Amino acid sequence: MNATFHQACSILPKDTIAEAAYYVEETFQSKKKITNKDREEFKVTATAEFLIEMLGPSNIRTLLDYLSGYTNDKGESPIAVNAFFQRFEHHGEHVSPYHTDGQAISLVILLNDDYMGGEMTFLSGAGPSTIQTEAGSATIHGPGVVHGNAALYGVKYQLTLVAFRNLKNKSPLGMFEGHLDKEIDA
């Protein structure tokens, strides 16, 4: 998987992503004061323990396996070091201006698809590539990849795992090291 970006279908089960989207919305609604900026983009950092509890060990392993397949020309796989949930709410404005994620590799899992627009668009020398995703599917993109989201009508939820390569003395499990049992839940 040496491409600059890639899409996977149905990487997480529907009931799991519905529960995750519900969690993000409940966390958002529990804020004492909600600003316009919060409505546009709300972010909740997720610990390894919480993700394992919410998604289950076997789903975490699926995400890590998918991430490990995104190797560079040296055969180095990325290691997840951070995770967060996001909630975007817009009514036709451009959600996310074009940007790069610096040196990070980003695995983005869509948690719902009951909105209009909001597609992820990647820019390259060949022009823009827009990816239609469904709830439970993922995109992965590497460092320096220019991307953004098109105009959105409604509320969009996603989970992002941030990873890096060349992390010396770091387990391939990254942020999940010491948290995943050898047994996978049934």
Foldseek 3Di string as FASTA:
>chain_A
DADQKDKDAQLADLVLLLVVVVVVVVVLVPDPDADPVCQAKPKDWDALQRCCVRRNLVSLVSVLVVQQVHAHPVSWGWAFATKMKMKGAAAFDFRWAKDWPAQKKKKKAWSADPWPFFWKWWQDPVGIDTDDYHHNMIMIGGGPIIMGGGTIRGMTMMMMTITHTPDPPADSNHSCVPPRDPDGDD
